[in-house]
C-alpha atoms as a PDB file:
ATOM      1  CA  MET A   1     -21.074 -14.423  18.536  1.00  0.00           C
ATOM      2  CA  ALA A   2     -17.394 -13.423  18.085  1.00  0.00           C
ATOM      3  CA  ASP A   3     -16.022 -14.323  14.723  1.00  0.00           C
ATOM      4  CA  PRO A   4     -13.935 -17.446  14.805  1.00  0.00           C
ATOM      5  CA  LYS A   5     -11.044 -15.738  13.042  1.00  0.00           C
ATOM      6  CA  GLU A   6     -10.767 -13.269  15.661  1.00  0.00           C
ATOM      7  CA  THR A   7     -10.873 -15.822  18.552  1.00  0.00           C
ATOM      8  CA  ARG A   8      -7.929 -17.605  16.830  1.00  0.00           C
ATOM      9  CA  ASN A   9      -6.019 -14.397  16.272  1.00  0.00           C
ATOM     10  CA  ALA A  10      -6.389 -12.994  19.986  1.00  0.00           C
ATOM     11  CA  PRO A  11      -4.072 -15.687  21.675  1.00  0.00           C
ATOM     12  CA  GLN A  12      -1.459 -14.915  18.905  1.00  0.00           C
ATOM     13  CA  SER A  13      -1.311 -11.270  19.790  1.00  0.00           C
ATOM     14  CA  PHE A  14      -1.613 -11.779  23.614  1.00  0.00           C
ATOM     15  CA  HIS A  15       1.525 -14.028  23.733  1.00  0.00           C
ATOM     16  CA  ALA A  16       3.305 -11.846  21.245  1.00  0.00           C
ATOM     17  CA  ARG A  17       3.063  -8.939  23.654  1.00  0.00           C
ATOM     18  CA  GLY A  18       4.058 -11.228  26.539  1.00  0.00           C
ATOM     19  CA  ASP A  19       7.112 -12.445  24.665  1.00  0.00           C
ATOM     20  CA  ALA A  20       8.061  -8.635  23.876  1.00  0.00           C
ATOM     21  CA  ASN A  21       8.135  -8.075  27.717  1.00  0.00           C
ATOM     22  CA  ALA A  22      10.076 -11.334  28.723  1.00  0.00           C
ATOM     23  CA  VAL A  23      13.804 -11.629  29.401  1.00  0.00           C
ATOM     24  CA  THR A  24      15.494 -12.965  26.175  1.00  0.00           C
ATOM     25  CA  SER A  25      18.679 -14.314  25.182  1.00  0.00           C
ATOM     26  CA  VAL A  26      19.958 -10.905  24.392  1.00  0.00           C
ATOM     27  CA  GLU A  27      19.391  -9.433  27.920  1.00  0.00           C
ATOM     28  CA  ILE A  28      20.944 -12.792  29.325  1.00  0.00           C
ATOM     29  CA  ALA A  29      24.146 -12.248  27.156  1.00  0.00           C
ATOM     30  CA  ALA A  30      24.261  -8.742  28.022  1.00  0.00           C
ATOM     31  CA  ALA A  31      24.098  -9.510  31.860  1.00  0.00           C
ATOM     32  CA  ALA A  32      26.794 -12.050  31.531  1.00  0.00           C
ATOM     33  CA  LEU A  33      29.192  -9.769  29.591  1.00  0.00           C
ATOM     34  CA  SER A  34      28.569  -7.171  32.291  1.00  0.00           C
ATOM     35  CA  VAL A  35      29.474  -9.464  35.108  1.00  0.00           C
ATOM     36  CA  VAL A  36      32.391 -10.806  33.244  1.00  0.00           C
ATOM     37  CA  TRP A  37      33.677  -7.048  32.592  1.00  0.00           C
ATOM     38  CA  LEU A  38      32.924  -6.194  36.228  1.00  0.00           C
ATOM     39  CA  VAL A  39      35.035  -9.295  37.623  1.00  0.00           C
ATOM     40  CA  VAL A  40      38.057  -8.564  35.326  1.00  0.00           C
ATOM     41  CA  ALA A  41      37.891  -4.798  36.256  1.00  0.00           C
ATOM     42  CA  VAL A  42      37.826  -5.737  40.140  1.00  0.00           C
ATOM     43  CA  TRP A  43      40.431  -8.087  39.635  1.00  0.00           C
ATOM     44  CA  TYR A  44      42.668  -5.767  37.795  1.00  0.00           C
ATOM     45  CA  PHE A  45      42.302  -2.800  40.418  1.00  0.00           C
ATOM     46  CA  LEU A  46      42.687  -5.233  43.174  1.00  0.00           C
ATOM     47  CA  ALA A  47      46.115  -6.503  41.685  1.00  0.00           C
ATOM     48  CA  GLY A  48      47.287  -2.940  41.603  1.00  0.00           C
ATOM     49  CA  GLY A  49      46.777  -1.967  38.090  1.00  0.00           C
ATOM     50  CA  ALA A  50      45.154   0.997  39.091  1.00  0.00           C
ATOM     51  CA  ALA A  51      48.094   2.185  41.125  1.00  0.00           C
ATOM     52  CA  ALA A  52      50.459   1.386  38.318  1.00  0.00           C
ATOM     53  CA  SER A  53      48.572   3.441  35.744  1.00  0.00           C
ATOM     54  CA  GLY A  54      48.130   6.424  37.740  1.00  0.00           C
ATOM     55  CA  GLY A  55      44.522   7.092  37.031  1.00  0.00           C
ATOM     56  CA  GLY A  56      42.269   8.811  39.359  1.00  0.00           C
ATOM     57  CA  PHE A  57      38.677   7.947  40.499  1.00  0.00           C
ATOM     58  CA  ALA A  58      36.995   9.525  37.695  1.00  0.00           C
ATOM     59  CA  VAL A  59      39.320   7.494  35.174  1.00  0.00           C
ATOM     60  CA  THR A  60      38.395   4.439  37.203  1.00  0.00           C
ATOM     61  CA  LEU A  61      34.782   4.856  37.303  1.00  0.00           C
ATOM     62  CA  LEU A  62      34.703   5.562  33.403  1.00  0.00           C
ATOM     63  CA  VAL A  63      36.755   2.516  32.647  1.00  0.00           C
ATOM     64  CA  VAL A  64      34.186   0.333  34.798  1.00  0.00           C
ATOM     65  CA  VAL A  65      30.975   1.972  33.620  1.00  0.00           C
ATOM     66  CA  LEU A  66      31.375   2.863  29.978  1.00  0.00           C
ATOM     67  CA  PRO A  67      31.831  -0.497  28.672  1.00  0.00           C
ATOM     68  CA  VAL A  68      28.793  -1.992  30.692  1.00  0.00           C
ATOM     69  CA  SER A  69      26.739   0.967  29.535  1.00  0.00           C
ATOM     70  CA  MET A  70      27.879   0.345  25.819  1.00  0.00           C
ATOM     71  CA  ILE A  71      26.874  -3.453  26.429  1.00  0.00           C
ATOM     72  CA  TRP A  72      23.472  -2.482  27.533  1.00  0.00           C
ATOM     73  CA  VAL A  73      22.676   0.146  24.839  1.00  0.00           C
ATOM     74  CA  ALA A  74      23.651  -2.492  22.086  1.00  0.00           C
ATOM     75  CA  ALA A  75      21.216  -5.084  23.690  1.00  0.00           C
ATOM     76  CA  MET A  76      18.311  -2.599  23.853  1.00  0.00           C
ATOM     77  CA  ALA A  77      19.017  -1.850  20.014  1.00  0.00           C
ATOM     78  CA  ILE A  78      19.013  -5.496  19.199  1.00  0.00           C
ATOM     79  CA  ARG A  79      15.806  -6.051  21.363  1.00  0.00           C
ATOM     80  CA  ALA A  80      14.135  -3.116  19.741  1.00  0.00           C
ATOM     81  CA  ALA A  81      14.947  -4.360  16.250  1.00  0.00           C
ATOM     82  CA  ARG A  82      13.527  -7.729  16.985  1.00  0.00           C
ATOM     83  CA  VAL A  83      10.433  -6.379  18.418  1.00  0.00           C
ATOM     84  CA  MET A  84       9.748  -4.015  15.402  1.00  0.00           C
ATOM     85  CA  ARG A  85      10.542  -6.995  13.079  1.00  0.00           C
ATOM     86  CA  GLU A  86       7.867  -9.107  14.969  1.00  0.00           C
ATOM     87  CA  GLU A  87       5.405  -6.118  14.938  1.00  0.00           C
ATOM     88  CA  SER A  88       6.032  -5.705  11.162  1.00  0.00           C
ATOM     89  CA  ALA A  89       5.182  -9.385  10.653  1.00  0.00           C
ATOM     90  CA  ARG A  90       2.002  -8.981  12.399  1.00  0.00           C
ATOM     91  CA  LEU A  91       1.136  -5.855  10.464  1.00  0.00           C
ATOM     92  CA  GLN A  92       1.727  -7.706   7.236  1.00  0.00           C
ATOM     93  CA  ALA A  93      -0.310 -10.565   8.318  1.00  0.00           C
ATOM     94  CA  ALA A  94      -3.146  -8.199   9.080  1.00  0.00           C
ATOM     95  CA  ILE A  95      -2.837  -6.591   5.584  1.00  0.00           C
ATOM     96  CA  ASP A  96      -3.034 -10.088   3.972  1.00  0.00           C
ATOM     97  CA  ALA A  97      -6.108 -10.933   6.113  1.00  0.00           C
ATOM     98  CA  LEU A  98      -8.017  -7.702   5.212  1.00  0.00           C
ATOM     99  CA  ARG A  99      -6.841  -8.025   1.595  1.00  0.00           C
ATOM    100  CA  GLN A 100      -8.398 -11.611   1.327  1.00  0.00           C
ATOM    101  CA  ALA A 101     -11.654 -10.325   2.906  1.00  0.00           C
ATOM    102  CA  TYR A 102     -11.895  -7.462   0.621  1.00  0.00           C
ATOM    103  CA  VAL A 103     -11.274  -9.264  -2.552  1.00  0.00           C
ATOM    104  CA  ALA A 104     -13.486 -12.335  -1.474  1.00  0.00           C
ATOM    105  CA  GLN A 105     -16.493  -9.744  -0.626  1.00  0.00           C
ATOM    106  CA  SER A 106     -15.985  -7.621  -3.749  1.00  0.00           C
ATOM    107  CA  GLN A 107     -16.109 -10.727  -5.930  1.00  0.00           C
ATOM    108  CA  ALA A 108     -19.008 -12.412  -4.011  1.00  0.00           C
ATOM    109  CA  GLY A 109     -21.617 -11.155  -6.610  1.00  0.00           C
ATOM    110  CA  LYS A 110     -24.685  -9.846  -5.172  1.00  0.00           C
ATOM    111  CA  GLY A 111     -23.497 -10.426  -1.836  1.00  0.00           C
ATOM    112  CA  GLN A 112     -22.540  -7.733   0.905  1.00  0.00           C
ATOM    113  CA  PRO A 113     -20.647  -4.909  -0.366  1.00  0.00           C
ATOM    114  CA  PRO A 114     -17.204  -4.284   0.893  1.00  0.00           C
ATOM    115  CA  HIS A 115     -17.103  -1.568   3.709  1.00  0.00           C
ATOM    116  CA  PRO A 116     -15.027   1.554   2.592  1.00  0.00           C
ATOM    117  CA  GLN A 117     -13.246   1.450   5.944  1.00  0.00           C
ATOM    118  CA  VAL A 118     -11.313  -1.569   4.687  1.00  0.00           C
ATOM    119  CA  VAL A 119      -9.499   0.286   2.148  1.00  0.00           C
ATOM    120  CA  LYS A 120      -8.561   2.980   4.699  1.00  0.00           C
ATOM    121  CA  ARG A 121      -7.356   0.382   7.191  1.00  0.00           C
ATOM    122  CA  LEU A 122      -4.995  -1.257   4.587  1.00  0.00           C
ATOM    123  CA  ASP A 123      -3.543   2.360   3.988  1.00  0.00           C
ATOM    124  CA  ASP A 124      -2.986   2.872   7.669  1.00  0.00           C
ATOM    125  CA  LEU A 125      -1.328  -0.623   8.165  1.00  0.00           C
ATOM    126  CA  GLY A 126       0.870  -0.166   5.089  1.00  0.00           C
ATOM    127  CA  GLY A 127       1.891   3.286   6.652  1.00  0.00           C
ATOM    128  CA  GLY A 128       2.724   1.505   9.878  1.00  0.00           C
ATOM    129  CA  ILE A 129       4.923  -1.173   8.225  1.00  0.00           C
ATOM    130  CA  ARG A 130       6.803   1.791   6.236  1.00  0.00           C
ATOM    131  CA  ASN A 131       7.557   3.540   9.555  1.00  0.00           C
ATOM    132  CA  LEU A 132       8.870   0.210  11.017  1.00  0.00           C
ATOM    133  CA  GLU A 133      10.990  -0.562   8.171  1.00  0.00           C
ATOM    134  CA  SER A 134      12.445   2.930   8.220  1.00  0.00           C
ATOM    135  CA  THR A 135      13.346   2.569  11.948  1.00  0.00           C
ATOM    136  CA  LEU A 136      14.999  -0.770  11.271  1.00  0.00           C
ATOM    137  CA  ALA A 137      17.075   0.684   8.462  1.00  0.00           C
ATOM    138  CA  MET A 138      18.110   3.555  10.922  1.00  0.00           C
ATOM    139  CA  LEU A 139      19.164   1.039  13.420  1.00  0.00           C
ATOM    140  CA  GLY A 140      21.164  -0.942  10.923  1.00  0.00           C
ATOM    141  CA  GLY A 141      22.986   2.232   9.788  1.00  0.00           C
ATOM    142  CA  ILE A 142      21.218   2.579   6.477  1.00  0.00           C
ATOM    143  CA  ARG A 143      20.115   5.969   5.451  1.00  0.00           C
ATOM    144  CA  GLN A 144      16.667   5.736   3.979  1.00  0.00           C
ATOM    145  CA  ALA A 145      14.268   8.516   2.852  1.00  0.00           C
ATOM    146  CA  GLU A 146      11.225   8.891   4.880  1.00  0.00           C
ATOM    147  CA  PRO A 147       8.637  11.738   5.353  1.00  0.00           C
ATOM    148  CA  GLN A 148       9.438  14.354   8.001  1.00  0.00           C
ATOM    149  CA  PRO A 149       7.449  14.068  11.162  1.00  0.00           C
ATOM    150  CA  GLY A 150       4.132  15.865  11.326  1.00  0.00           C
ATOM    151  CA  HIS A 151       4.180  16.149   7.504  1.00  0.00           C
ATOM    152  CA  SER A 152       1.110  14.603   5.955  1.00  0.00           C
ATOM    153  CA  PRO A 153       1.289  12.763   2.699  1.00  0.00           C
ATOM    154  CA  ALA A 154       0.240  14.553  -0.509  1.00  0.00           C
ATOM    155  CA  PRO A 155      -3.141  13.707  -1.585  1.00  0.00           C
ATOM    156  CA  SER A 156      -3.560  11.241  -4.422  1.00  0.00           C
ATOM    157  CA  GLY A 157      -4.679  13.923  -6.684  1.00  0.00           C
ATOM    158  CA  ALA A 158      -1.658  15.965  -6.156  1.00  0.00           C
ATOM    159  CA  ASP A 159       0.672  16.620  -9.047  1.00  0.00           C
ATOM    160  CA  ASP A 160       3.774  17.352  -6.884  1.00  0.00           C
ATOM    161  CA  GLN A 161       6.177  14.598  -6.413  1.00  0.00           C
ATOM    162  CA  PRO A 162       9.367  14.228  -4.352  1.00  0.00           C
ATOM    163  CA  THR A 163      12.435  14.972  -6.120  1.00  0.00           C
ATOM    164  CA  LEU A 164      16.016  13.803  -5.383  1.00  0.00           C
ATOM    165  CA  SER A 165      19.170  15.901  -5.664  1.00  0.00           C
ATOM    166  CA  LEU A 166      19.591  17.945  -8.829  1.00  0.00           C
ATOM    167  CA  GLY A 167      15.804  17.891  -9.521  1.00  0.00           C
ATOM    168  CA  THR A 168      15.462  14.310 -10.438  1.00  0.00           C
ATOM    169  CA  PRO A 169      11.851  13.139  -9.748  1.00  0.00           C
ATOM    170  CA  ALA A 170      11.849   9.879  -7.542  1.00  0.00           C
ATOM    171  CA  GLU A 171       9.584   8.288  -9.920  1.00  0.00           C
ATOM    172  CA  ALA A 172      12.447   8.535 -12.716  1.00  0.00           C
ATOM    173  CA  LEU A 173      14.260   6.012 -10.766  1.00  0.00           C
ATOM    174  CA  GLN A 174      11.436   3.400 -11.375  1.00  0.00           C
ATOM    175  CA  PRO A 175      11.245   0.982 -14.294  1.00  0.00           C
ATOM    176  CA  PRO A 176       8.635   1.861 -16.760  1.00  0.00           C
ATOM    177  CA  LEU A 177       5.132   0.277 -16.198  1.00  0.00           C
ATOM    178  CA  SER A 178       4.703  -2.554 -18.848  1.00  0.00           C
ATOM    179  CA  THR A 179       1.559  -2.643 -20.770  1.00  0.00           C
ATOM    180  CA  ASP A 180       0.605  -6.171 -19.412  1.00  0.00           C
ATOM    181  CA  ASP A 181       1.125  -4.967 -15.842  1.00  0.00           C
ATOM    182  CA  LEU A 182      -1.072  -2.051 -16.617  1.00  0.00           C
ATOM    183  CA  ILE A 183      -3.895  -3.871 -18.126  1.00  0.00           C
ATOM    184  CA  ARG A 184      -3.623  -6.574 -15.289  1.00  0.00           C
ATOM    185  CA  ALA A 185      -3.809  -3.895 -12.669  1.00  0.00           C
ATOM    186  CA  LEU A 186      -6.830  -2.100 -14.138  1.00  0.00           C
ATOM    187  CA  HIS A 187      -8.669  -5.527 -14.071  1.00  0.00           C
ATOM    188  CA  PHE A 188      -7.845  -5.838 -10.269  1.00  0.00           C
ATOM    189  CA  PRO A 189      -6.779  -9.328  -8.848  1.00  0.00           C
ATOM    190  CA  GLU A 190      -9.441 -12.062  -9.534  1.00  0.00           C
ATOM    191  CA  THR A 191      -9.118 -13.813  -6.217  1.00  0.00           C
ATOM    192  CA  ALA A 192      -7.184 -13.633  -3.014  1.00  0.00           C
ATOM    193  CA  GLU A 193      -4.813 -16.180  -4.482  1.00  0.00           C
ATOM    194  CA  ASP A 194      -4.074 -14.209  -7.456  1.00  0.00           C
ATOM    195  CA  THR A 195      -0.586 -13.659  -6.629  1.00  0.00           C
ATOM    196  CA  GLU A 196       0.404 -12.311 -10.353  1.00  0.00           C
ATOM    197  CA  GLY A 197      -2.748 -10.001 -10.280  1.00  0.00           C
ATOM    198  CA  PHE A 198      -1.426  -8.468  -6.860  1.00  0.00           C
ATOM    199  CA  ALA A 199       2.082  -8.112  -8.048  1.00  0.00           C
ATOM    200  CA  ALA A 200       1.065  -6.318 -11.150  1.00  0.00           C
ATOM    201  CA  LEU A 201      -1.275  -4.062  -8.782  1.00  0.00           C
ATOM    202  CA  ARG A 202       1.831  -3.249  -6.679  1.00  0.00           C
ATOM    203  CA  ARG A 203       4.057  -2.332  -9.630  1.00  0.00           C
ATOM    204  CA  ALA A 204       1.161  -0.298 -11.160  1.00  0.00           C
ATOM    205  CA  LEU A 205       0.684   1.613  -7.916  1.00  0.00           C
ATOM    206  CA  LYS A 206       4.470   2.784  -8.291  1.00  0.00           C
ATOM    207  CA  ASP A 207       3.518   4.466 -11.491  1.00  0.00           C
ATOM    208  CA  ARG A 208       2.124   7.998 -10.699  1.00  0.00           C
ATOM    209  CA  ASN A 209      -0.446   8.210 -13.596  1.00  0.00           C
ATOM    210  CA  ALA A 210      -1.505   4.632 -13.183  1.00  0.00           C
ATOM    211  CA  ALA A 211      -1.909   4.937  -9.292  1.00  0.00           C
ATOM    212  CA  LYS A 212      -4.263   7.852  -9.829  1.00  0.00           C
ATOM    213  CA  VAL A 213      -6.564   5.812 -12.266  1.00  0.00           C
ATOM    214  CA  ILE A 214      -6.438   2.863  -9.980  1.00  0.00           C
ATOM    215  CA  GLN A 215      -7.364   4.713  -6.770  1.00  0.00           C
ATOM    216  CA  ALA A 216     -10.147   6.553  -8.540  1.00  0.00           C
ATOM    217  CA  ALA A 217     -11.420   3.291  -9.907  1.00  0.00           C
ATOM    218  CA  GLN A 218     -11.204   1.615  -6.532  1.00  0.00           C
ATOM    219  CA  ASP A 219     -13.300   4.417  -5.007  1.00  0.00           C
ATOM    220  CA  ILE A 220     -15.963   4.508  -7.686  1.00  0.00           C
ATOM    221  CA  LEU A 221     -16.226   0.548  -7.772  1.00  0.00           C
ATOM    222  CA  THR A 222     -16.663   0.450  -3.988  1.00  0.00           C
ATOM    223  CA  LEU A 223     -19.401   3.097  -4.162  1.00  0.00           C
ATOM    224  CA  MET A 224     -21.347   1.281  -7.115  1.00  0.00           C
ATOM    225  CA  SER A 225     -21.046  -2.036  -5.180  1.00  0.00           C
ATOM    226  CA  GLN A 226     -23.075  -0.404  -2.348  1.00  0.00           C
ATOM    227  CA  ASP A 227     -26.114  -0.314  -4.979  1.00  0.00           C
ATOM    228  CA  GLY A 228     -25.351  -3.936  -6.060  1.00  0.00           C
ATOM    229  CA  ILE A 229     -23.684  -2.781  -9.411  1.00  0.00           C
ATOM    230  CA  TYR A 230     -20.697  -5.114 -10.219  1.00  0.00           C
ATOM    231  CA  MET A 231     -18.576  -5.051 -13.349  1.00  0.00           C
ATOM    232  CA  ASP A 232     -18.505  -8.780 -13.514  1.00  0.00           C
ATOM    233  CA  ASP A 233     -22.259  -8.716 -14.209  1.00  0.00           C
ATOM    234  CA  LEU A 234     -21.818  -6.284 -17.143  1.00  0.00           C
ATOM    235  CA  ARG A 235     -21.541  -7.737 -20.743  1.00  0.00           C
ATOM    236  CA  PRO A 236     -20.815  -4.621 -22.796  1.00  0.00           C
ATOM    237  CA  ASP A 237     -20.611  -4.331 -26.643  1.00  0.00           C
ATOM    238  CA  MET A 238     -16.859  -3.938 -27.366  1.00  0.00           C
ATOM    239  CA  ALA A 239     -15.986  -0.834 -29.515  1.00  0.00           C
ATOM    240  CA  ARG A 240     -13.231  -1.345 -32.432  1.00  0.00           C
ATOM    241  CA  PRO A 241      -9.864  -0.047 -31.600  1.00  0.00           C
ATOM    242  CA  GLU A 242     -10.161   2.742 -34.121  1.00  0.00           C
ATOM    243  CA  VAL A 243     -12.917   4.144 -32.102  1.00  0.00           C
ATOM    244  CA  TRP A 244     -10.841   3.966 -28.773  1.00  0.00           C
ATOM    245  CA  ARG A 245      -8.000   5.634 -30.695  1.00  0.00           C
ATOM    246  CA  ALA A 246     -10.388   8.571 -31.656  1.00  0.00           C
ATOM    247  CA  PHE A 247     -11.334   9.076 -28.195  1.00  0.00           C
ATOM    248  CA  ALA A 248      -7.764   9.317 -27.081  1.00  0.00           C
ATOM    249  CA  LYS A 249      -7.060  11.861 -29.761  1.00  0.00           C
ATOM    250  CA  GLY A 250      -9.840  14.145 -28.348  1.00  0.00           C
ATOM    251  CA  GLU A 251     -12.903  13.108 -30.324  1.00  0.00           C
ATOM    252  CA  ARG A 252     -16.297  13.203 -28.446  1.00  0.00           C
ATOM    253  CA  GLY A 253     -20.173  12.825 -29.170  1.00  0.00           C
ATOM    254  CA  ARG A 254     -21.542  10.344 -31.720  1.00  0.00           C
ATOM    255  CA  THR A 255     -18.011   9.765 -33.080  1.00  0.00           C
ATOM    256  CA  ILE A 256     -17.057   7.665 -29.919  1.00  0.00           C
ATOM    257  CA  ALA A 257     -20.903   6.590 -29.037  1.00  0.00           C
ATOM    258  CA  PRO A 258     -19.706   2.873 -29.626  1.00  0.00           C
ATOM    259  CA  LEU A 259     -17.814   3.093 -26.366  1.00  0.00           C
ATOM    260  CA  GLY A 260     -21.023   3.334 -24.336  1.00  0.00           C
ATOM    261  CA  GLY A 261     -21.376  -0.338 -24.968  1.00  0.00           C
ATOM    262  CA  VAL A 262     -23.107  -1.034 -21.573  1.00  0.00           C
ATOM    263  CA  HIS A 263     -26.875  -1.893 -21.947  1.00  0.00           C
ATOM    264  CA  ASP A 264     -27.858  -3.367 -18.735  1.00  0.00           C
ATOM    265  CA  ARG A 265     -30.832  -1.188 -17.827  1.00  0.00           C
ATOM    266  CA  SER A 266     -30.776  -1.871 -14.044  1.00  0.00           C
ATOM    267  CA  SER A 267     -27.121  -0.887 -13.625  1.00  0.00           C
ATOM    268  CA  LEU A 268     -27.732   2.379 -15.773  1.00  0.00           C
ATOM    269  CA  ALA A 269     -30.771   3.219 -13.871  1.00  0.00           C
ATOM    270  CA  LEU A 270     -29.162   2.767 -10.449  1.00  0.00           C
ATOM    271  CA  ALA A 271     -25.910   4.689 -11.396  1.00  0.00           C
ATOM    272  CA  ALA A 272     -27.996   7.513 -12.899  1.00  0.00           C
ATOM    273  CA  GLY A 273     -30.084   7.859  -9.789  1.00  0.00           C
ATOM    274  CA  ARG A 274     -26.928   7.863  -7.567  1.00  0.00           C
ATOM    275  CA  MET A 275     -25.307  10.452  -9.855  1.00  0.00           C
ATOM    276  CA  ARG A 276     -28.350  12.948  -9.297  1.00  0.00           C
ATOM    277  CA  GLU A 277     -28.863  12.340  -5.495  1.00  0.00           C
ATOM    278  CA  ASP A 278     -25.494  11.748  -4.133  1.00  0.00           C
ATOM    279  CA  PRO A 279     -22.733  14.424  -4.680  1.00  0.00           C
ATOM    280  CA  ILE A 280     -19.992  12.312  -3.350  1.00  0.00           C
ATOM    281  CA  PHE A 281     -20.878   9.552  -5.908  1.00  0.00           C
ATOM    282  CA  ARG A 282     -20.932  12.429  -8.622  1.00  0.00           C
ATOM    283  CA  ASP A 283     -17.645  13.882  -7.484  1.00  0.00           C
ATOM    284  CA  ALA A 284     -16.050  10.473  -7.477  1.00  0.00           C
ATOM    285  CA  ALA A 285     -17.456   9.349 -10.880  1.00  0.00           C
ATOM    286  CA  HIS A 286     -16.358  12.673 -12.580  1.00  0.00           C
ATOM    287  CA  HIS A 287     -12.811  12.489 -11.055  1.00  0.00           C
ATOM    288  CA  PHE A 288     -12.595   8.749 -12.280  1.00  0.00           C
ATOM    289  CA  LEU A 289     -13.712   9.691 -15.879  1.00  0.00           C
ATOM    290  CA  ARG A 290     -11.086  12.387 -16.011  1.00  0.00           C
ATOM    291  CA  ARG A 291      -8.354  10.261 -14.800  1.00  0.00           C
ATOM    292  CA  TYR A 292      -9.119   7.394 -17.141  1.00  0.00           C
ATOM    293  CA  ASP A 293      -9.305   9.769 -19.996  1.00  0.00           C
ATOM    294  CA  GLN A 294      -5.821  11.369 -19.134  1.00  0.00           C
ATOM    295  CA  LEU A 295      -4.316   7.755 -18.773  1.00  0.00           C
ATOM    296  CA  PHE A 296      -5.639   6.460 -21.937  1.00  0.00           C
ATOM    297  CA  ALA A 297      -4.502   9.345 -24.010  1.00  0.00           C
ATOM    298  CA  ASN A 298      -1.159   9.079 -22.462  1.00  0.00           C
ATOM    299  CA  VAL A 299      -0.663   5.288 -23.315  1.00  0.00           C
ATOM    300  CA  GLU A 300      -2.765   4.811 -26.685  1.00  0.00           C
ATOM    301  CA  SER A 301       0.206   5.288 -28.896  1.00  0.00           C
ATOM    302  CA  GLN A 302       2.058   2.477 -27.093  1.00  0.00           C
ATOM    303  CA  LEU A 303      -0.900  -0.001 -27.390  1.00  0.00           C
ATOM    304  CA  SER A 304      -1.498  -2.422 -30.265  1.00  0.00           C
ATOM    305  CA  ASP A 305      -5.040  -3.025 -31.332  1.00  0.00           C
ATOM    306  CA  GLU A 306      -4.903  -6.344 -29.294  1.00  0.00           C
ATOM    307  CA  ASP A 307      -3.748  -4.356 -26.316  1.00  0.00           C
ATOM    308  CA  ILE A 308      -6.699  -2.041 -26.577  1.00  0.00           C
ATOM    309  CA  GLN A 309      -9.198  -5.009 -26.614  1.00  0.00           C
ATOM    310  CA  SER A 310      -7.703  -6.239 -23.578  1.00  0.00           C
ATOM    311  CA  PHE A 311      -7.500  -2.713 -22.112  1.00  0.00           C
ATOM    312  CA  ALA A 312     -11.249  -2.249 -22.810  1.00  0.00           C
ATOM    313  CA  ALA A 313     -12.124  -5.579 -21.269  1.00  0.00           C
ATOM    314  CA  THR A 314     -10.993  -4.647 -17.743  1.00  0.00           C
ATOM    315  CA  ARG A 315     -13.153  -3.909 -14.763  1.00  0.00           C
ATOM    316  CA  THR A 316     -12.047  -0.270 -14.902  1.00  0.00           C
ATOM    317  CA  SER A 317     -12.810   0.246 -18.411  1.00  0.00           C
ATOM    318  CA  ARG A 318     -16.408  -1.424 -17.920  1.00  0.00           C
ATOM    319  CA  ALA A 319     -16.911   1.187 -14.996  1.00  0.00           C
ATOM    320  CA  PHE A 320     -15.777   3.984 -17.650  1.00  0.00           C
ATOM    321  CA  MET A 321     -18.258   2.714 -20.230  1.00  0.00           C
ATOM    322  CA  LEU A 322     -20.982   2.674 -17.715  1.00  0.00           C
ATOM    323  CA  LEU A 323     -20.459   5.922 -16.119  1.00  0.00           C
ATOM    324  CA  GLY A 324     -19.448   7.673 -19.316  1.00  0.00           C
ATOM    325  CA  ARG A 325     -22.716   6.619 -20.742  1.00  0.00           C
ATOM    326  CA  VAL A 326     -24.677   7.991 -17.611  1.00  0.00           C
ATOM    327  CA  ALA A 327     -22.666  11.367 -17.665  1.00  0.00           C
ATOM    328  CA  GLY A 328     -23.460  11.982 -21.233  1.00  0.00           C
ATOM    329  CA  THR A 329     -19.723  11.531 -22.459  1.00  0.00           C
ATOM    330  CA  PHE A 330     -20.944   9.590 -25.459  1.00  0.00           C
ATOM    331  CA  ASP A 331     -23.751  11.684 -26.571  1.00  0.00           C
END
């Protein structure tokens, strides 16, 4: 049986396509202006204006055709801008729907885990919106930086960043990420209605170092959810802030053993088995642990003891505690 949501969305898409092909007020206005211009031009030439001006046939044709052509070029540009704005709105609505489905499914406890293709679909739709917005900016005469055609974006793990003139990194123009936004983003939004959580997540994704950890955490959380491992089910023993600071300064082994405060046997066993048997899961886990280690080492000096406690309570940190214990980081 078809999904009721898909049934409701189908007529909207159909009518949107039909409206895009229909005659609009823009075409009517362009046609009216063309007729008015042709009438004025015919009256002028019949009244003897052409003979008085001494223009030849080519000049006469240019005077008649060029304004009409410009009218229709402007009309087509306005129509294209309107169609792309509508398409951008539909893409944004699709992103919101996918986001709500993803969050609701990932927070559903032991329900069906979110499908990895959801994240890829969100990225594709986001890229479509950016392309549409770039085109709209060009039509409006605004020069806006955009990727070169045929050039694929750099992978999330790449260190190279686009630079502006005189070698200034593009990220240098972004305001620094606040501690509250970083902690909120690492915890991920609570529900689909958590507007503050999504706003913090968007701001964090503009920061290069934070974005790497968030993307790695999203990947590993999705993989663990396939085995029924959810961070909200874990109740780890929280280590003291000085233990976290020792970890940031490079201490390993028994000194930082309290960080492995996850004692849920089921989750530990499932994660350890997946680590041994699934090379994709193992690579994703080690990649996440490296990114988390680098981020915390960079921000530790800026965090108060209370901030460290909040940092350690996020879903991302719980995943670090679980996987770090499985990987032997705290041995």
